[in-house]
Amino acid sequence: MIEKQIADGVITLTVKQDVVATAGVQLKSELMAIIVDDYDQYILDFDQVNSIDSSGVGVLIAAQNDLGSRGNKLKVTNVSAPIHKMFRIMRLDKHFDIEPK
């Protein structure tokens, strides 16, 4: 579900499918295993994500809470317009950096 690339202390995690239903559980498992490592920056690339449900949003919030407790911040890039709009409505842009496509 996640492809990772590491360069200069930055880990970029490319999410390879929509984050709905059981995919949210899988994302949480993979993401939580990765964020225990100490990188300077954590980037989630949503280029291949067209939809996300409440469980997926919960995964992002949990990841940011974990990272935030260590002084890091989650950045979500290549977010589609509908998902970006939903994140803004939910005020998630106040909790992590969001970059639209």
PDB file of N, CA and C in Angstrom:
ATOM      1  N   MET A   1       0.806  -1.197   0.000  1.00  0.00           N
ATOM      2  CA  MET A   1       0.000   0.000   0.000  1.00  0.00           C
ATOM      3  C   MET A   1       0.849   1.259   0.000  1.00  0.00           C
ATOM      4  N   ILE A   2       2.017   1.198   0.648  1.00  0.00           N
ATOM      5  CA  ILE A   2       2.903   2.359   0.724  1.00  0.00           C
ATOM      6  C   ILE A   2       4.240   2.012   0.080  1.00  0.00           C
ATOM      7  N   GLU A   3       4.718   2.932  -0.722  1.00  0.00           N
ATOM      8  CA  GLU A   3       6.072   2.832  -1.270  1.00  0.00           C
ATOM      9  C   GLU A   3       6.874   3.937  -0.602  1.00  0.00           C
ATOM     10  N   LYS A   4       8.058   3.608  -0.078  1.00  0.00           N
ATOM     11  CA  LYS A   4       8.818   4.640   0.624  1.00  0.00           C
ATOM     12  C   LYS A   4      10.140   4.945  -0.054  1.00  0.00           C
ATOM     13  N   GLN A   5      10.499   6.219   0.036  1.00  0.00           N
ATOM     14  CA  GLN A   5      11.777   6.712  -0.462  1.00  0.00           C
ATOM     15  C   GLN A   5      12.377   7.590   0.625  1.00  0.00           C
ATOM     16  N   ILE A   6      13.668   7.426   0.846  1.00  0.00           N
ATOM     17  CA  ILE A   6      14.353   8.194   1.877  1.00  0.00           C
ATOM     18  C   ILE A   6      15.520   8.930   1.237  1.00  0.00           C
ATOM     19  N   ALA A   7      15.589  10.229   1.500  1.00  0.00           N
ATOM     20  CA  ALA A   7      16.695  11.040   0.995  1.00  0.00           C
ATOM     21  C   ALA A   7      16.913  12.222   1.930  1.00  0.00           C
ATOM     22  N   ASP A   8      18.132  12.406   2.373  1.00  0.00           N
ATOM     23  CA  ASP A   8      18.515  13.559   3.194  1.00  0.00           C
ATOM     24  C   ASP A   8      17.620  13.761   4.412  1.00  0.00           C
ATOM     25  N   GLY A   9      17.299  12.692   5.113  1.00  0.00           N
ATOM     26  CA  GLY A   9      16.501  12.794   6.328  1.00  0.00           C
ATOM     27  C   GLY A   9      15.011  12.976   6.113  1.00  0.00           C
ATOM     28  N   VAL A  10      14.582  12.930   4.854  1.00  0.00           N
ATOM     29  CA  VAL A  10      13.162  13.084   4.523  1.00  0.00           C
ATOM     30  C   VAL A  10      12.644  11.753   4.003  1.00  0.00           C
ATOM     31  N   ILE A  11      11.544  11.285   4.579  1.00  0.00           N
ATOM     32  CA  ILE A  11      10.925  10.064   4.081  1.00  0.00           C
ATOM     33  C   ILE A  11       9.639  10.445   3.355  1.00  0.00           C
ATOM     34  N   THR A  12       9.541   9.991   2.125  1.00  0.00           N
ATOM     35  CA  THR A  12       8.343  10.217   1.321  1.00  0.00           C
ATOM     36  C   THR A  12       7.633   8.886   1.176  1.00  0.00           C
ATOM     37  N   LEU A  13       6.382   8.877   1.589  1.00  0.00           N
ATOM     38  CA  LEU A  13       5.563   7.674   1.549  1.00  0.00           C
ATOM     39  C   LEU A  13       4.480   7.872   0.503  1.00  0.00           C
ATOM     40  N   THR A  14       4.560   7.122  -0.578  1.00  0.00           N
ATOM     41  CA  THR A  14       3.569   7.217  -1.642  1.00  0.00           C
ATOM     42  C   THR A  14       2.470   6.207  -1.363  1.00  0.00           C
ATOM     43  N   VAL A  15       1.256   6.719  -1.164  1.00  0.00           N
ATOM     44  CA  VAL A  15       0.102   5.855  -0.913  1.00  0.00           C
ATOM     45  C   VAL A  15      -0.404   5.388  -2.268  1.00  0.00           C
ATOM     46  N   LYS A  16      -0.479   4.072  -2.465  1.00  0.00           N
ATOM     47  CA  LYS A  16      -0.723   3.491  -3.784  1.00  0.00           C
ATOM     48  C   LYS A  16      -2.184   3.169  -4.081  1.00  0.00           C
ATOM     49  N   GLN A  17      -3.112   3.503  -3.177  1.00  0.00           N
ATOM     50  CA  GLN A  17      -4.522   3.209  -3.422  1.00  0.00           C
ATOM     51  C   GLN A  17      -5.397   4.118  -2.565  1.00  0.00           C
ATOM     52  N   ASP A  18      -6.698   4.101  -2.826  1.00  0.00           N
ATOM     53  CA  ASP A  18      -7.640   4.878  -2.031  1.00  0.00           C
ATOM     54  C   ASP A  18      -7.603   4.398  -0.585  1.00  0.00           C
ATOM     55  N   VAL A  19      -7.854   5.320   0.329  1.00  0.00           N
ATOM     56  CA  VAL A  19      -7.780   5.009   1.754  1.00  0.00           C
ATOM     57  C   VAL A  19      -9.211   4.884   2.290  1.00  0.00           C
ATOM     58  N   VAL A  20      -9.819   3.758   1.982  1.00  0.00           N
ATOM     59  CA  VAL A  20     -11.192   3.476   2.409  1.00  0.00           C
ATOM     60  C   VAL A  20     -11.253   2.059   2.977  1.00  0.00           C
ATOM     61  N   ALA A  21     -12.184   1.869   3.912  1.00  0.00           N
ATOM     62  CA  ALA A  21     -12.455   0.560   4.514  1.00  0.00           C
ATOM     63  C   ALA A  21     -11.177  -0.104   5.031  1.00  0.00           C
ATOM     64  N   THR A  22     -10.917  -1.328   4.619  1.00  0.00           N
ATOM     65  CA  THR A  22      -9.772  -2.080   5.149  1.00  0.00           C
ATOM     66  C   THR A  22      -8.434  -1.480   4.739  1.00  0.00           C
ATOM     67  N   ALA A  23      -8.421  -0.688   3.681  1.00  0.00           N
ATOM     68  CA  ALA A  23      -7.175  -0.029   3.283  1.00  0.00           C
ATOM     69  C   ALA A  23      -6.723   0.953   4.361  1.00  0.00           C
ATOM     70  N   GLY A  24      -7.674   1.543   5.084  1.00  0.00           N
ATOM     71  CA  GLY A  24      -7.330   2.436   6.187  1.00  0.00           C
ATOM     72  C   GLY A  24      -6.613   1.699   7.302  1.00  0.00           C
ATOM     73  N   VAL A  25      -7.060   0.491   7.588  1.00  0.00           N
ATOM     74  CA  VAL A  25      -6.418  -0.345   8.608  1.00  0.00           C
ATOM     75  C   VAL A  25      -5.004  -0.705   8.166  1.00  0.00           C
ATOM     76  N   GLN A  26      -4.863  -1.060   6.904  1.00  0.00           N
ATOM     77  CA  GLN A  26      -3.547  -1.410   6.369  1.00  0.00           C
ATOM     78  C   GLN A  26      -2.621  -0.199   6.394  1.00  0.00           C
ATOM     79  N   LEU A  27      -3.138   0.977   6.008  1.00  0.00           N
ATOM     80  CA  LEU A  27      -2.328   2.195   6.033  1.00  0.00           C
ATOM     81  C   LEU A  27      -1.864   2.484   7.453  1.00  0.00           C
ATOM     82  N   LYS A  28      -2.759   2.355   8.412  1.00  0.00           N
ATOM     83  CA  LYS A  28      -2.391   2.622   9.804  1.00  0.00           C
ATOM     84  C   LYS A  28      -1.263   1.704  10.246  1.00  0.00           C
ATOM     85  N   SER A  29      -1.377   0.435   9.944  1.00  0.00           N
ATOM     86  CA  SER A  29      -0.352  -0.529  10.328  1.00  0.00           C
ATOM     87  C   SER A  29       1.001  -0.168   9.720  1.00  0.00           C
ATOM     88  N   GLU A  30       1.011   0.114   8.435  1.00  0.00           N
ATOM     89  CA  GLU A  30       2.265   0.441   7.750  1.00  0.00           C
ATOM     90  C   GLU A  30       2.823   1.782   8.215  1.00  0.00           C
ATOM     91  N   LEU A  31       1.953   2.774   8.354  1.00  0.00           N
ATOM     92  CA  LEU A  31       2.397   4.112   8.726  1.00  0.00           C
ATOM     93  C   LEU A  31       2.940   4.148  10.149  1.00  0.00           C
ATOM     94  N   MET A  32       2.253   3.503  11.067  1.00  0.00           N
ATOM     95  CA  MET A  32       2.709   3.509  12.457  1.00  0.00           C
ATOM     96  C   MET A  32       4.042   2.778  12.614  1.00  0.00           C
ATOM     97  N   ALA A  33       4.279   1.765  11.795  1.00  0.00           N
ATOM     98  CA  ALA A  33       5.564   1.062  11.835  1.00  0.00           C
ATOM     99  C   ALA A  33       6.694   1.952  11.323  1.00  0.00           C
ATOM    100  N   ILE A  34       6.369   2.846  10.399  1.00  0.00           N
ATOM    101  CA  ILE A  34       7.387   3.714   9.801  1.00  0.00           C
ATOM    102  C   ILE A  34       7.680   4.925  10.669  1.00  0.00           C
ATOM    103  N   ILE A  35       6.646   5.522  11.274  1.00  0.00           N
ATOM    104  CA  ILE A  35       6.881   6.780  11.987  1.00  0.00           C
ATOM    105  C   ILE A  35       7.593   6.609  13.322  1.00  0.00           C
ATOM    106  N   VAL A  36       7.830   5.381  13.738  1.00  0.00           N
ATOM    107  CA  VAL A  36       8.644   5.198  14.941  1.00  0.00           C
ATOM    108  C   VAL A  36      10.106   5.543  14.652  1.00  0.00           C
ATOM    109  N   ASP A  37      10.491   5.503  13.382  1.00  0.00           N
ATOM    110  CA  ASP A  37      11.842   5.900  12.997  1.00  0.00           C
ATOM    111  C   ASP A  37      11.927   7.422  13.006  1.00  0.00           C
ATOM    112  N   ASP A  38      13.113   7.932  13.243  1.00  0.00           N
ATOM    113  CA  ASP A  38      13.281   9.377  13.386  1.00  0.00           C
ATOM    114  C   ASP A  38      13.820   9.996  12.100  1.00  0.00           C
ATOM    115  N   TYR A  39      12.939  10.648  11.360  1.00  0.00           N
ATOM    116  CA  TYR A  39      13.319  11.382  10.155  1.00  0.00           C
ATOM    117  C   TYR A  39      13.062  12.862  10.394  1.00  0.00           C
ATOM    118  N   ASP A  40      13.726  13.713   9.622  1.00  0.00           N
ATOM    119  CA  ASP A  40      13.531  15.154   9.751  1.00  0.00           C
ATOM    120  C   ASP A  40      12.149  15.578   9.265  1.00  0.00           C
ATOM    121  N   GLN A  41      11.653  14.904   8.234  1.00  0.00           N
ATOM    122  CA  GLN A  41      10.357  15.264   7.667  1.00  0.00           C
ATOM    123  C   GLN A  41       9.651  14.017   7.144  1.00  0.00           C
ATOM    124  N   TYR A  42       8.339  13.999   7.309  1.00  0.00           N
ATOM    125  CA  TYR A  42       7.493  12.897   6.849  1.00  0.00           C
ATOM    126  C   TYR A  42       6.514  13.442   5.816  1.00  0.00           C
ATOM    127  N   ILE A  43       6.583  12.914   4.596  1.00  0.00           N
ATOM    128  CA  ILE A  43       5.704  13.358   3.517  1.00  0.00           C
ATOM    129  C   ILE A  43       4.860  12.181   3.050  1.00  0.00           C
ATOM    130  N   LEU A  44       3.550  12.393   2.983  1.00  0.00           N
ATOM    131  CA  LEU A  44       2.634  11.411   2.405  1.00  0.00           C
ATOM    132  C   LEU A  44       2.232  11.921   1.035  1.00  0.00           C
ATOM    133  N   ASP A  45       2.547  11.181   0.002  1.00  0.00           N
ATOM    134  CA  ASP A  45       2.194  11.553  -1.367  1.00  0.00           C
ATOM    135  C   ASP A  45       0.866  10.888  -1.721  1.00  0.00           C
ATOM    136  N   PHE A  46      -0.162  11.718  -1.922  1.00  0.00           N
ATOM    137  CA  PHE A  46      -1.517  11.238  -2.210  1.00  0.00           C
ATOM    138  C   PHE A  46      -1.842  11.277  -3.697  1.00  0.00           C
ATOM    139  N   ASP A  47      -0.834  11.293  -4.556  1.00  0.00           N
ATOM    140  CA  ASP A  47      -1.083  11.414  -5.996  1.00  0.00           C
ATOM    141  C   ASP A  47      -2.011  10.321  -6.526  1.00  0.00           C
ATOM    142  N   GLN A  48      -1.936   9.127  -5.961  1.00  0.00           N
ATOM    143  CA  GLN A  48      -2.747   8.006  -6.443  1.00  0.00           C
ATOM    144  C   GLN A  48      -4.004   7.770  -5.603  1.00  0.00           C
ATOM    145  N   VAL A  49      -4.297   8.694  -4.696  1.00  0.00           N
ATOM    146  CA  VAL A  49      -5.467   8.558  -3.824  1.00  0.00           C
ATOM    147  C   VAL A  49      -6.596   9.432  -4.357  1.00  0.00           C
ATOM    148  N   ASN A  50      -7.727   8.807  -4.651  1.00  0.00           N
ATOM    149  CA  ASN A  50      -8.893   9.541  -5.147  1.00  0.00           C
ATOM    150  C   ASN A  50      -9.985   9.683  -4.104  1.00  0.00           C
ATOM    151  N   SER A  51      -9.939   8.861  -3.056  1.00  0.00           N
ATOM    152  CA  SER A  51     -10.933   8.983  -1.989  1.00  0.00           C
ATOM    153  C   SER A  51     -10.350   8.504  -0.668  1.00  0.00           C
ATOM    154  N   ILE A  52     -10.910   9.060   0.392  1.00  0.00           N
ATOM    155  CA  ILE A  52     -10.493   8.706   1.749  1.00  0.00           C
ATOM    156  C   ILE A  52     -11.740   8.760   2.622  1.00  0.00           C
ATOM    157  N   ASP A  53     -11.894   7.785   3.513  1.00  0.00           N
ATOM    158  CA  ASP A  53     -13.058   7.792   4.393  1.00  0.00           C
ATOM    159  C   ASP A  53     -12.638   8.218   5.803  1.00  0.00           C
ATOM    160  N   SER A  54     -13.589   8.181   6.726  1.00  0.00           N
ATOM    161  CA  SER A  54     -13.318   8.668   8.078  1.00  0.00           C
ATOM    162  C   SER A  54     -12.229   7.859   8.782  1.00  0.00           C
ATOM    163  N   SER A  55     -12.141   6.569   8.497  1.00  0.00           N
ATOM    164  CA  SER A  55     -11.077   5.781   9.128  1.00  0.00           C
ATOM    165  C   SER A  55      -9.711   6.216   8.605  1.00  0.00           C
ATOM    166  N   GLY A  56      -9.639   6.548   7.322  1.00  0.00           N
ATOM    167  CA  GLY A  56      -8.393   7.050   6.750  1.00  0.00           C
ATOM    168  C   GLY A  56      -7.992   8.388   7.340  1.00  0.00           C
ATOM    169  N   VAL A  57      -8.974   9.273   7.523  1.00  0.00           N
ATOM    170  CA  VAL A  57      -8.708  10.568   8.155  1.00  0.00           C
ATOM    171  C   VAL A  57      -8.210  10.340   9.579  1.00  0.00           C
ATOM    172  N   GLY A  58      -8.817   9.387  10.274  1.00  0.00           N
ATOM    173  CA  GLY A  58      -8.380   9.060  11.629  1.00  0.00           C
ATOM    174  C   GLY A  58      -6.936   8.594  11.678  1.00  0.00           C
ATOM    175  N   VAL A  59      -6.523   7.849  10.667  1.00  0.00           N
ATOM    176  CA  VAL A  59      -5.132   7.390  10.580  1.00  0.00           C
ATOM    177  C   VAL A  59      -4.192   8.587  10.455  1.00  0.00           C
ATOM    178  N   LEU A  60      -4.543   9.547   9.600  1.00  0.00           N
ATOM    179  CA  LEU A  60      -3.702  10.735   9.422  1.00  0.00           C
ATOM    180  C   LEU A  60      -3.608  11.540  10.716  1.00  0.00           C
ATOM    181  N   ILE A  61      -4.737  11.694  11.399  1.00  0.00           N
ATOM    182  CA  ILE A  61      -4.737  12.444  12.658  1.00  0.00           C
ATOM    183  C   ILE A  61      -3.889  11.729  13.705  1.00  0.00           C
ATOM    184  N   ALA A  62      -4.023  10.410  13.814  1.00  0.00           N
ATOM    185  CA  ALA A  62      -3.221   9.645  14.774  1.00  0.00           C
ATOM    186  C   ALA A  62      -1.732   9.762  14.459  1.00  0.00           C
ATOM    187  N   ALA A  63      -1.390   9.695  13.178  1.00  0.00           N
ATOM    188  CA  ALA A  63       0.018   9.825  12.779  1.00  0.00           C
ATOM    189  C   ALA A  63       0.547  11.206  13.141  1.00  0.00           C
ATOM    190  N   GLN A  64      -0.245  12.253  12.867  1.00  0.00           N
ATOM    191  CA  GLN A  64       0.193  13.609  13.194  1.00  0.00           C
ATOM    192  C   GLN A  64       0.332  13.788  14.702  1.00  0.00           C
ATOM    193  N   ASN A  65      -0.594  13.232  15.467  1.00  0.00           N
ATOM    194  CA  ASN A  65      -0.493  13.334  16.923  1.00  0.00           C
ATOM    195  C   ASN A  65       0.787  12.682  17.426  1.00  0.00           C
ATOM    196  N   ASP A  66       1.120  11.527  16.889  1.00  0.00           N
ATOM    197  CA  ASP A  66       2.349  10.831  17.278  1.00  0.00           C
ATOM    198  C   ASP A  66       3.571  11.658  16.880  1.00  0.00           C
ATOM    199  N   LEU A  67       3.586  12.119  15.640  1.00  0.00           N
ATOM    200  CA  LEU A  67       4.714  12.923  15.169  1.00  0.00           C
ATOM    201  C   LEU A  67       4.807  14.246  15.924  1.00  0.00           C
ATOM    202  N   GLY A  68       3.668  14.882  16.156  1.00  0.00           N
ATOM    203  CA  GLY A  68       3.645  16.169  16.850  1.00  0.00           C
ATOM    204  C   GLY A  68       4.205  16.081  18.253  1.00  0.00           C
ATOM    205  N   SER A  69       3.983  14.960  18.913  1.00  0.00           N
ATOM    206  CA  SER A  69       4.512  14.784  20.267  1.00  0.00           C
ATOM    207  C   SER A  69       6.035  14.729  20.268  1.00  0.00           C
ATOM    208  N   ARG A  70       6.617  14.487  19.089  1.00  0.00           N
ATOM    209  CA  ARG A  70       8.081  14.447  18.958  1.00  0.00           C
ATOM    210  C   ARG A  70       8.616  15.673  18.230  1.00  0.00           C
ATOM    211  N   GLY A  71       7.739  16.659  17.993  1.00  0.00           N
ATOM    212  CA  GLY A  71       8.173  17.897  17.357  1.00  0.00           C
ATOM    213  C   GLY A  71       8.215  17.840  15.842  1.00  0.00           C
ATOM    214  N   ASN A  72       7.671  16.796  15.245  1.00  0.00           N
ATOM    215  CA  ASN A  72       7.626  16.676  13.785  1.00  0.00           C
ATOM    216  C   ASN A  72       6.232  17.010  13.281  1.00  0.00           C
ATOM    217  N   LYS A  73       6.118  17.148  11.964  1.00  0.00           N
ATOM    218  CA  LYS A  73       4.826  17.449  11.365  1.00  0.00           C
ATOM    219  C   LYS A  73       4.665  16.636  10.091  1.00  0.00           C
ATOM    220  N   LEU A  74       3.454  16.169   9.876  1.00  0.00           N
ATOM    221  CA  LEU A  74       3.126  15.406   8.682  1.00  0.00           C
ATOM    222  C   LEU A  74       2.784  16.368   7.551  1.00  0.00           C
ATOM    223  N   LYS A  75       3.281  16.068   6.361  1.00  0.00           N
ATOM    224  CA  LYS A  75       2.961  16.857   5.178  1.00  0.00           C
ATOM    225  C   LYS A  75       2.301  15.920   4.170  1.00  0.00           C
ATOM    226  N   VAL A  76       1.137  16.318   3.663  1.00  0.00           N
ATOM    227  CA  VAL A  76       0.414  15.513   2.683  1.00  0.00           C
ATOM    228  C   VAL A  76       0.444  16.270   1.358  1.00  0.00           C
ATOM    229  N   THR A  77       1.024  15.654   0.329  1.00  0.00           N
ATOM    230  CA  THR A  77       1.184  16.329  -0.958  1.00  0.00           C
ATOM    231  C   THR A  77       0.344  15.664  -2.041  1.00  0.00           C
ATOM    232  N   ASN A  78       0.199  16.385  -3.151  1.00  0.00           N
ATOM    233  CA  ASN A  78      -0.541  15.893  -4.325  1.00  0.00           C
ATOM    234  C   ASN A  78      -1.963  15.463  -3.975  1.00  0.00           C
ATOM    235  N   VAL A  79      -2.618  16.267  -3.166  1.00  0.00           N
ATOM    236  CA  VAL A  79      -3.977  15.974  -2.716  1.00  0.00           C
ATOM    237  C   VAL A  79      -4.965  16.432  -3.789  1.00  0.00           C
ATOM    238  N   SER A  80      -5.877  15.542  -4.173  1.00  0.00           N
ATOM    239  CA  SER A  80      -6.883  15.884  -5.188  1.00  0.00           C
ATOM    240  C   SER A  80      -7.790  16.996  -4.662  1.00  0.00           C
ATOM    241  N   ALA A  81      -8.421  17.723  -5.572  1.00  0.00           N
ATOM    242  CA  ALA A  81      -9.284  18.849  -5.196  1.00  0.00           C
ATOM    243  C   ALA A  81     -10.402  18.442  -4.232  1.00  0.00           C
ATOM    244  N   PRO A  82     -11.125  17.335  -4.491  1.00  0.00           N
ATOM    245  CA  PRO A  82     -12.193  16.965  -3.548  1.00  0.00           C
ATOM    246  C   PRO A  82     -11.681  16.625  -2.146  1.00  0.00           C
ATOM    247  N   ILE A  83     -10.560  15.920  -2.076  1.00  0.00           N
ATOM    248  CA  ILE A  83     -10.000  15.577  -0.764  1.00  0.00           C
ATOM    249  C   ILE A  83      -9.468  16.831  -0.082  1.00  0.00           C
ATOM    250  N   HIS A  84      -8.826  17.704  -0.838  1.00  0.00           N
ATOM    251  CA  HIS A  84      -8.314  18.957  -0.281  1.00  0.00           C
ATOM    252  C   HIS A  84      -9.457  19.782   0.308  1.00  0.00           C
ATOM    253  N   LYS A  85     -10.554  19.856  -0.415  1.00  0.00           N
ATOM    254  CA  LYS A  85     -11.720  20.604   0.067  1.00  0.00           C
ATOM    255  C   LYS A  85     -12.238  19.993   1.370  1.00  0.00           C
ATOM    256  N   MET A  86     -12.336  18.672   1.412  1.00  0.00           N
ATOM    257  CA  MET A  86     -12.798  17.998   2.622  1.00  0.00           C
ATOM    258  C   MET A  86     -11.853  18.274   3.791  1.00  0.00           C
ATOM    259  N   PHE A  87     -10.542  18.214   3.562  1.00  0.00           N
ATOM    260  CA  PHE A  87      -9.572  18.492   4.616  1.00  0.00           C
ATOM    261  C   PHE A  87      -9.741  19.917   5.149  1.00  0.00           C
ATOM    262  N   ARG A  88      -9.956  20.875   4.248  1.00  0.00           N
ATOM    263  CA  ARG A  88     -10.148  22.268   4.679  1.00  0.00           C
ATOM    264  C   ARG A  88     -11.431  22.412   5.491  1.00  0.00           C
ATOM    265  N   ILE A  89     -12.520  21.788   5.028  1.00  0.00           N
ATOM    266  CA  ILE A  89     -13.789  21.856   5.759  1.00  0.00           C
ATOM    267  C   ILE A  89     -13.626  21.273   7.160  1.00  0.00           C
ATOM    268  N   MET A  90     -12.871  20.201   7.261  1.00  0.00           N
ATOM    269  CA  MET A  90     -12.631  19.556   8.557  1.00  0.00           C
ATOM    270  C   MET A  90     -11.547  20.275   9.361  1.00  0.00           C
ATOM    271  N   ARG A  91     -10.982  21.324   8.786  1.00  0.00           N
ATOM    272  CA  ARG A  91      -9.928  22.135   9.396  1.00  0.00           C
ATOM    273  C   ARG A  91      -8.651  21.332   9.675  1.00  0.00           C
ATOM    274  N   LEU A  92      -8.452  20.296   8.896  1.00  0.00           N
ATOM    275  CA  LEU A  92      -7.249  19.487   9.059  1.00  0.00           C
ATOM    276  C   LEU A  92      -6.005  20.225   8.586  1.00  0.00           C
ATOM    277  N   ASP A  93      -6.202  21.258   7.767  1.00  0.00           N
ATOM    278  CA  ASP A  93      -5.062  22.055   7.324  1.00  0.00           C
ATOM    279  C   ASP A  93      -4.419  22.807   8.488  1.00  0.00           C
ATOM    280  N   LYS A  94      -5.081  22.848   9.618  1.00  0.00           N
ATOM    281  CA  LYS A  94      -4.506  23.461  10.822  1.00  0.00           C
ATOM    282  C   LYS A  94      -3.613  22.472  11.568  1.00  0.00           C
ATOM    283  N   HIS A  95      -3.740  21.188  11.246  1.00  0.00           N
ATOM    284  CA  HIS A  95      -3.006  20.148  11.969  1.00  0.00           C
ATOM    285  C   HIS A  95      -1.814  19.590  11.203  1.00  0.00           C
ATOM    286  N   PHE A  96      -1.911  19.562   9.875  1.00  0.00           N
ATOM    287  CA  PHE A  96      -0.762  19.141   9.077  1.00  0.00           C
ATOM    288  C   PHE A  96      -0.758  19.893   7.757  1.00  0.00           C
ATOM    289  N   ASP A  97       0.423  19.965   7.158  1.00  0.00           N
ATOM    290  CA  ASP A  97       0.581  20.686   5.896  1.00  0.00           C
ATOM    291  C   ASP A  97      -0.078  19.899   4.779  1.00  0.00           C
ATOM    292  N   ILE A  98      -0.859  20.595   3.960  1.00  0.00           N
ATOM    293  CA  ILE A  98      -1.550  19.967   2.840  1.00  0.00           C
ATOM    294  C   ILE A  98      -1.215  20.740   1.577  1.00  0.00           C
ATOM    295  N   GLU A  99      -0.739  20.026   0.570  1.00  0.00           N
ATOM    296  CA  GLU A  99      -0.435  20.641  -0.724  1.00  0.00           C
ATOM    297  C   GLU A  99      -1.301  19.997  -1.792  1.00  0.00           C
ATOM    298  N   PRO A 100      -2.161  20.796  -2.458  1.00  0.00           N
ATOM    299  CA  PRO A 100      -2.995  20.229  -3.526  1.00  0.00           C
ATOM    300  C   PRO A 100      -2.167  19.886  -4.751  1.00  0.00           C
ATOM    301  N   LYS A 101      -2.777  19.086  -5.633  1.00  0.00           N
ATOM    302  CA  LYS A 101      -2.124  18.744  -6.914  1.00  0.00           C
ATOM    303  C   LYS A 101      -1.946  19.998  -7.724  1.00  0.00           C
TER     304      LYS A 101
END
